[in-house]
Amino acid sequence: MFNKAVDVKEKPPAIEIGTLRDFFLAGMLCHKPPVQRLFTFDAFNFDVHQREVLATALAGSSGVNHASPKTQGFGFNLRSPLTFEGEDPLAAESPKGRIQFRPYSVDTALGWWMPQFFAQEIKGKVRNDEEARERRLAEIGDALRSTQGEATVRTAFQSHIDSMEEFLGKHQIEARSVTGRDLKFERFLASRVKALSDPETIRRHARSLTFASMPDIWTDGRAVKEFESSFFEDIAYRAAGTNQHRVVKSILFRLDDESLTTGEDLAEAFKASIAEDHWADSDWEE
């Protein structure tokens, strides 16, 4: 008993990874939440043809105030009239809004799989990003709850409507206003004020990347086959590209065999490789 005992004060011993099951269970699944339309309100309805005309017209400067031209419907951007200091962590073009996780993960039938080694590195960046987003969402909530903030938003919304109608007339786009537009906008505004007054809701909207433990699917032969084949197919596909990411480079460096071009070949070679020489965290550093 004493020979096998481990001092709990010491760092836990590394798990020996000598099988595909061990290898995959030492990773995590990661997911990027879909883009949310938290601040966009569509004041007009467009049919398919009108959207095509609108897309062409938007190639130049639209002149529409407080709009989100990248959203379907060219909607009113609730954040636009509210000004804050510093970089906007909610903006898509913001460096803080672009957490790069795909170079460290592999696309599989269960989603993006990432080794724990890289997950620990990414989690810190994700947390910093989410904290910045939480702060900005809270600031927006504070502004919307103030008398001045509500007045600013309502004035901006009317300005958006006026300039949008002018824009549509100029380009001869006969779009219809949303039925009950003003009432729906007031409900939209009230729902955003309520959402951004609740810390839990703010945290949920601030999420930029979520992690989950890799489930043990190795009692389901079909699920295992689909997962493992999708994993190595993605490795094979990305290995043929000119820009190989870290997770792919690490596996290819271990195999060191350019004749392996299919997912099946890579899977068999990798299985044999880690059975002979167990995989370690240091292998991810190659």
Protein backbone atom coordinates (compact mmCIF):
# COMPACT_ATOMS: atom_id res chain seq x y z
CA MET A 1 0.00 0.00 0.00
CA PHE A 2 2.76 2.44 0.92
CA ASN A 3 4.69 1.62 -2.24
CA LYS A 4 1.70 2.69 -4.37
CA ALA A 5 0.74 5.70 -2.24
CA VAL A 6 1.05 9.19 -3.72
CA ASP A 7 1.74 12.37 -1.75
CA VAL A 8 -1.40 14.51 -2.31
CA LYS A 9 0.66 17.65 -1.76
CA GLU A 10 2.67 16.91 -4.85
CA LYS A 11 1.55 17.53 -8.45
CA PRO A 12 -0.58 14.57 -9.67
CA PRO A 13 1.40 12.16 -11.83
CA ALA A 14 0.88 12.51 -15.56
CA ILE A 15 -1.65 10.12 -17.07
CA GLU A 16 0.03 7.65 -19.36
CA ILE A 17 -1.44 7.97 -22.84
CA GLY A 18 -0.88 4.81 -24.79
CA THR A 19 -4.26 4.27 -26.47
CA LEU A 20 -6.57 6.40 -28.60
CA ARG A 21 -9.11 6.36 -25.78
CA ASP A 22 -6.56 7.72 -23.30
CA PHE A 23 -5.46 10.31 -25.84
CA PHE A 24 -8.95 11.66 -26.54
CA LEU A 25 -10.10 11.60 -22.91
CA ALA A 26 -7.13 13.81 -22.10
CA GLY A 27 -8.76 16.52 -24.21
CA MET A 28 -11.81 18.78 -24.09
CA LEU A 29 -14.61 19.80 -26.41
CA CYS A 30 -14.89 23.50 -27.14
CA HIS A 31 -17.71 25.48 -28.65
CA LYS A 32 -18.02 29.06 -29.85
CA PRO A 33 -21.51 30.45 -29.15
CA PRO A 34 -23.40 31.80 -32.18
CA VAL A 35 -23.30 35.52 -32.88
CA GLN A 36 -26.07 37.18 -30.90
CA ARG A 37 -28.34 39.94 -32.14
CA LEU A 38 -28.57 41.45 -28.70
CA PHE A 39 -28.49 45.06 -29.88
CA THR A 40 -30.05 44.94 -33.35
CA PHE A 41 -33.66 45.95 -34.03
CA ASP A 42 -35.10 45.56 -37.54
CA ALA A 43 -37.46 48.45 -38.27
CA PHE A 44 -38.20 47.38 -41.87
CA ASN A 45 -39.16 44.18 -43.68
CA PHE A 46 -37.38 43.22 -46.91
CA ASP A 47 -38.17 40.50 -49.42
CA VAL A 48 -35.47 38.54 -51.28
CA HIS A 49 -35.29 40.93 -54.24
CA GLN A 50 -35.14 43.98 -51.98
CA ARG A 51 -32.29 42.43 -50.03
CA GLU A 52 -30.32 41.98 -53.26
CA VAL A 53 -30.87 45.62 -54.21
CA LEU A 54 -30.02 46.64 -50.66
CA ALA A 55 -26.77 44.65 -50.71
CA THR A 56 -25.73 46.38 -53.94
CA ALA A 57 -26.61 49.81 -52.57
CA LEU A 58 -24.63 49.12 -49.40
CA ALA A 59 -21.44 48.74 -51.43
CA GLY A 60 -20.99 52.49 -50.97
CA SER A 61 -21.58 54.83 -48.05
CA SER A 62 -25.18 54.36 -46.94
CA GLY A 63 -25.63 57.50 -44.90
CA VAL A 64 -28.02 55.64 -42.60
CA ASN A 65 -27.53 56.66 -38.99
CA HIS A 66 -26.95 54.08 -36.21
CA ALA A 67 -27.29 51.09 -38.52
CA SER A 68 -25.78 47.61 -38.48
CA PRO A 69 -25.15 47.05 -42.21
CA LYS A 70 -23.71 43.57 -41.63
CA THR A 71 -26.93 42.29 -40.06
CA GLN A 72 -29.86 40.93 -42.01
CA GLY A 73 -32.34 43.72 -42.49
CA PHE A 74 -29.87 46.56 -41.96
CA GLY A 75 -31.23 47.06 -38.45
CA PHE A 76 -30.88 49.78 -35.85
CA ASN A 77 -27.81 49.33 -33.65
CA LEU A 78 -28.77 50.04 -30.05
CA ARG A 79 -25.14 50.49 -29.00
CA SER A 80 -24.29 53.03 -31.70
CA PRO A 81 -25.56 56.21 -29.98
CA LEU A 82 -23.94 55.24 -26.65
CA THR A 83 -20.31 56.25 -26.31
CA PHE A 84 -17.73 54.67 -24.01
CA GLU A 85 -14.02 55.08 -23.48
CA GLY A 86 -11.51 52.56 -24.74
CA GLU A 87 -11.69 49.75 -27.26
CA ASP A 88 -15.01 48.00 -27.70
CA PRO A 89 -14.59 44.33 -26.67
CA LEU A 90 -18.01 43.55 -28.18
CA ALA A 91 -17.03 44.63 -31.69
CA ALA A 92 -16.38 41.80 -34.15
CA GLU A 93 -13.34 43.65 -35.50
CA SER A 94 -11.88 44.04 -32.04
CA PRO A 95 -8.76 41.92 -31.38
CA LYS A 96 -10.31 40.96 -28.04
CA GLY A 97 -13.33 39.64 -29.89
CA ARG A 98 -11.28 37.19 -31.93
CA ILE A 99 -10.25 34.32 -29.68
CA GLN A 100 -8.42 31.93 -32.00
CA PHE A 101 -9.14 28.37 -30.89
CA ARG A 102 -9.13 26.39 -34.15
CA PRO A 103 -5.33 26.32 -34.50
CA TYR A 104 -5.30 24.41 -31.20
CA SER A 105 -8.17 22.03 -31.92
CA VAL A 106 -9.49 19.44 -34.35
CA ASP A 107 -12.93 19.36 -35.96
CA THR A 108 -14.75 16.13 -35.08
CA ALA A 109 -18.21 14.57 -35.14
CA LEU A 110 -18.65 15.79 -31.54
CA GLY A 111 -17.41 19.31 -32.23
CA TRP A 112 -13.99 20.88 -31.78
CA TRP A 113 -11.65 18.70 -29.71
CA MET A 114 -8.76 20.43 -27.93
CA PRO A 115 -5.97 18.86 -25.84
CA GLN A 116 -5.86 19.93 -22.20
CA PHE A 117 -2.37 21.26 -22.82
CA PHE A 118 -3.72 23.95 -25.17
CA ALA A 119 -7.01 24.40 -23.29
CA GLN A 120 -5.14 25.68 -20.23
CA GLU A 121 -3.37 28.21 -22.44
CA ILE A 122 -6.57 29.36 -24.14
CA LYS A 123 -8.73 29.54 -21.00
CA GLY A 124 -6.80 32.50 -19.62
CA LYS A 125 -7.31 34.49 -22.82
CA VAL A 126 -10.98 33.53 -22.92
CA ARG A 127 -11.53 34.62 -19.33
CA ASN A 128 -9.86 38.00 -19.94
CA ASP A 129 -12.02 38.49 -23.02
CA GLU A 130 -15.20 37.56 -21.19
CA GLU A 131 -14.43 39.85 -18.26
CA ALA A 132 -13.94 42.77 -20.66
CA ARG A 133 -17.22 41.93 -22.40
CA GLU A 134 -19.02 41.67 -19.06
CA ARG A 135 -17.77 45.11 -18.03
CA ARG A 136 -18.90 46.68 -21.30
CA LEU A 137 -22.32 45.00 -21.17
CA ALA A 138 -22.77 46.27 -17.60
CA GLU A 139 -21.80 49.77 -18.77
CA ILE A 140 -24.37 49.61 -21.55
CA GLY A 141 -26.99 48.47 -19.04
CA ASP A 142 -26.15 51.40 -16.76
CA ALA A 143 -26.42 53.82 -19.68
CA LEU A 144 -29.77 52.40 -20.84
CA ARG A 145 -31.23 52.67 -17.35
CA SER A 146 -30.38 56.35 -17.10
CA THR A 147 -32.84 59.04 -18.24
CA GLN A 148 -30.24 60.55 -20.54
CA GLY A 149 -29.36 57.17 -22.04
CA GLU A 150 -32.97 56.29 -22.86
CA ALA A 151 -33.54 59.72 -24.43
CA THR A 152 -30.36 59.38 -26.49
CA VAL A 153 -31.41 55.96 -27.77
CA ARG A 154 -34.93 57.06 -28.70
CA THR A 155 -33.61 60.13 -30.54
CA ALA A 156 -31.11 57.96 -32.37
CA PHE A 157 -33.82 55.46 -33.33
CA GLN A 158 -35.93 58.21 -34.92
CA SER A 159 -32.84 59.48 -36.73
CA HIS A 160 -32.26 55.93 -38.00
CA ILE A 161 -35.85 55.70 -39.29
CA ASP A 162 -35.66 59.09 -41.06
CA SER A 163 -32.32 58.41 -42.74
CA MET A 164 -33.36 54.84 -43.63
CA GLU A 165 -36.52 56.07 -45.34
CA GLU A 166 -34.44 58.59 -47.27
CA PHE A 167 -31.97 55.86 -48.24
CA LEU A 168 -34.73 53.50 -49.41
CA GLY A 169 -36.38 56.25 -51.43
CA LYS A 170 -33.09 57.17 -53.09
CA HIS A 171 -32.53 53.57 -54.21
CA GLN A 172 -36.22 52.93 -55.00
CA ILE A 173 -36.53 50.09 -52.50
CA GLU A 174 -40.18 49.76 -51.48
CA ALA A 175 -39.64 48.14 -48.11
CA ARG A 176 -42.46 47.95 -45.56
CA SER A 177 -42.12 49.23 -42.03
CA VAL A 178 -42.42 46.55 -39.33
CA THR A 179 -46.01 46.39 -38.06
CA GLY A 180 -46.35 48.12 -34.70
CA ARG A 181 -42.77 49.30 -35.01
CA ASP A 182 -42.73 51.85 -32.20
CA LEU A 183 -44.39 49.54 -29.70
CA LYS A 184 -42.10 46.66 -30.64
CA PHE A 185 -39.08 48.92 -30.27
CA GLU A 186 -40.19 49.96 -26.77
CA ARG A 187 -40.55 46.28 -25.84
CA PHE A 188 -37.15 45.56 -27.39
CA LEU A 189 -35.57 48.38 -25.39
CA ALA A 190 -37.25 47.27 -22.15
CA SER A 191 -36.09 43.67 -22.64
CA ARG A 192 -32.49 44.82 -23.17
CA VAL A 193 -32.60 47.03 -20.08
CA LYS A 194 -33.89 44.08 -18.05
CA ALA A 195 -31.32 41.63 -19.49
CA LEU A 196 -28.41 43.99 -18.86
CA SER A 197 -29.51 44.54 -15.26
CA ASP A 198 -29.04 40.87 -14.37
CA PRO A 199 -25.44 39.70 -13.67
CA GLU A 200 -26.17 36.10 -14.71
CA THR A 201 -27.66 37.19 -18.04
CA ILE A 202 -24.68 39.47 -18.61
CA ARG A 203 -22.29 36.58 -17.98
CA ARG A 204 -24.22 34.41 -20.43
CA HIS A 205 -24.11 37.03 -23.17
CA ALA A 206 -20.41 37.67 -22.50
CA ARG A 207 -19.36 34.10 -23.24
CA SER A 208 -16.96 33.85 -26.15
CA LEU A 209 -15.93 30.19 -25.87
CA THR A 210 -17.16 27.29 -23.76
CA PHE A 211 -15.33 24.12 -22.71
CA ALA A 212 -16.69 20.71 -21.75
CA SER A 213 -14.99 17.51 -20.64
CA MET A 214 -14.57 14.88 -23.32
CA PRO A 215 -17.28 12.23 -22.72
CA ASP A 216 -16.26 8.60 -22.48
CA ILE A 217 -17.99 7.24 -25.58
CA TRP A 218 -15.92 4.04 -25.80
CA THR A 219 -18.83 1.78 -24.88
CA ASP A 220 -20.57 2.83 -28.10
CA GLY A 221 -18.68 1.36 -31.04
CA ARG A 222 -20.52 3.39 -33.67
CA ALA A 223 -19.93 6.69 -31.88
CA VAL A 224 -16.25 5.85 -31.42
CA LYS A 225 -15.83 5.02 -35.10
CA GLU A 226 -17.49 8.25 -36.23
CA PHE A 227 -15.54 10.36 -33.77
CA GLU A 228 -12.11 8.87 -34.45
CA SER A 229 -12.56 8.82 -38.22
CA SER A 230 -13.71 12.46 -38.26
CA PHE A 231 -10.73 13.43 -36.11
CA PHE A 232 -8.13 11.90 -38.40
CA GLU A 233 -9.93 13.00 -41.55
CA ASP A 234 -9.65 16.58 -40.36
CA ILE A 235 -5.96 16.05 -39.57
CA ALA A 236 -5.41 14.61 -43.09
CA TYR A 237 -7.29 17.48 -44.72
CA ARG A 238 -5.40 20.18 -42.83
CA ALA A 239 -2.06 18.38 -43.25
CA ALA A 240 -2.36 18.94 -47.01
CA GLY A 241 -2.61 22.69 -46.54
CA THR A 242 0.24 25.17 -46.56
CA ASN A 243 -0.57 26.62 -43.14
CA GLN A 244 -0.49 23.81 -40.59
CA HIS A 245 -1.70 24.71 -37.13
CA ARG A 246 -0.04 23.67 -33.87
CA VAL A 247 -2.29 20.73 -33.11
CA VAL A 248 -1.73 19.28 -36.60
CA LYS A 249 2.01 19.96 -36.56
CA SER A 250 2.42 18.13 -33.26
CA ILE A 251 0.77 14.95 -34.54
CA LEU A 252 2.57 15.02 -37.90
CA PHE A 253 5.90 15.63 -36.20
CA ARG A 254 5.38 12.56 -34.03
CA LEU A 255 4.53 10.36 -37.06
CA ASP A 256 7.22 11.86 -39.33
CA ASP A 257 5.90 10.05 -42.40
CA GLU A 258 4.81 12.06 -45.45
CA SER A 259 3.36 8.97 -47.10
CA LEU A 260 0.44 9.06 -44.64
CA THR A 261 -2.20 10.99 -46.56
CA THR A 262 -5.56 9.47 -45.56
CA GLY A 263 -7.39 9.58 -42.27
CA GLU A 264 -7.27 5.79 -41.95
CA ASP A 265 -3.50 5.69 -42.51
CA LEU A 266 -2.93 8.45 -39.97
CA ALA A 267 -5.16 6.74 -37.42
CA GLU A 268 -3.37 3.39 -37.65
CA ALA A 269 0.07 4.98 -37.56
CA PHE A 270 -0.80 7.21 -34.62
CA LYS A 271 -2.34 4.33 -32.67
CA ALA A 272 0.81 2.26 -33.14
CA SER A 273 3.06 5.21 -32.30
CA ILE A 274 1.55 6.06 -28.92
CA ALA A 275 1.28 2.38 -27.97
CA GLU A 276 5.04 2.04 -28.46
CA ASP A 277 6.04 5.42 -27.04
CA HIS A 278 3.35 6.97 -24.83
CA TRP A 279 2.17 10.47 -25.68
CA ALA A 280 3.17 13.25 -23.26
CA ASP A 281 2.37 16.97 -22.90
CA SER A 282 5.84 17.70 -24.24
CA ASP A 283 4.70 16.29 -27.59
CA TRP A 284 2.35 19.25 -27.99
CA GLU A 285 5.30 21.61 -27.78
CA GLU A 286 6.86 20.34 -31.01
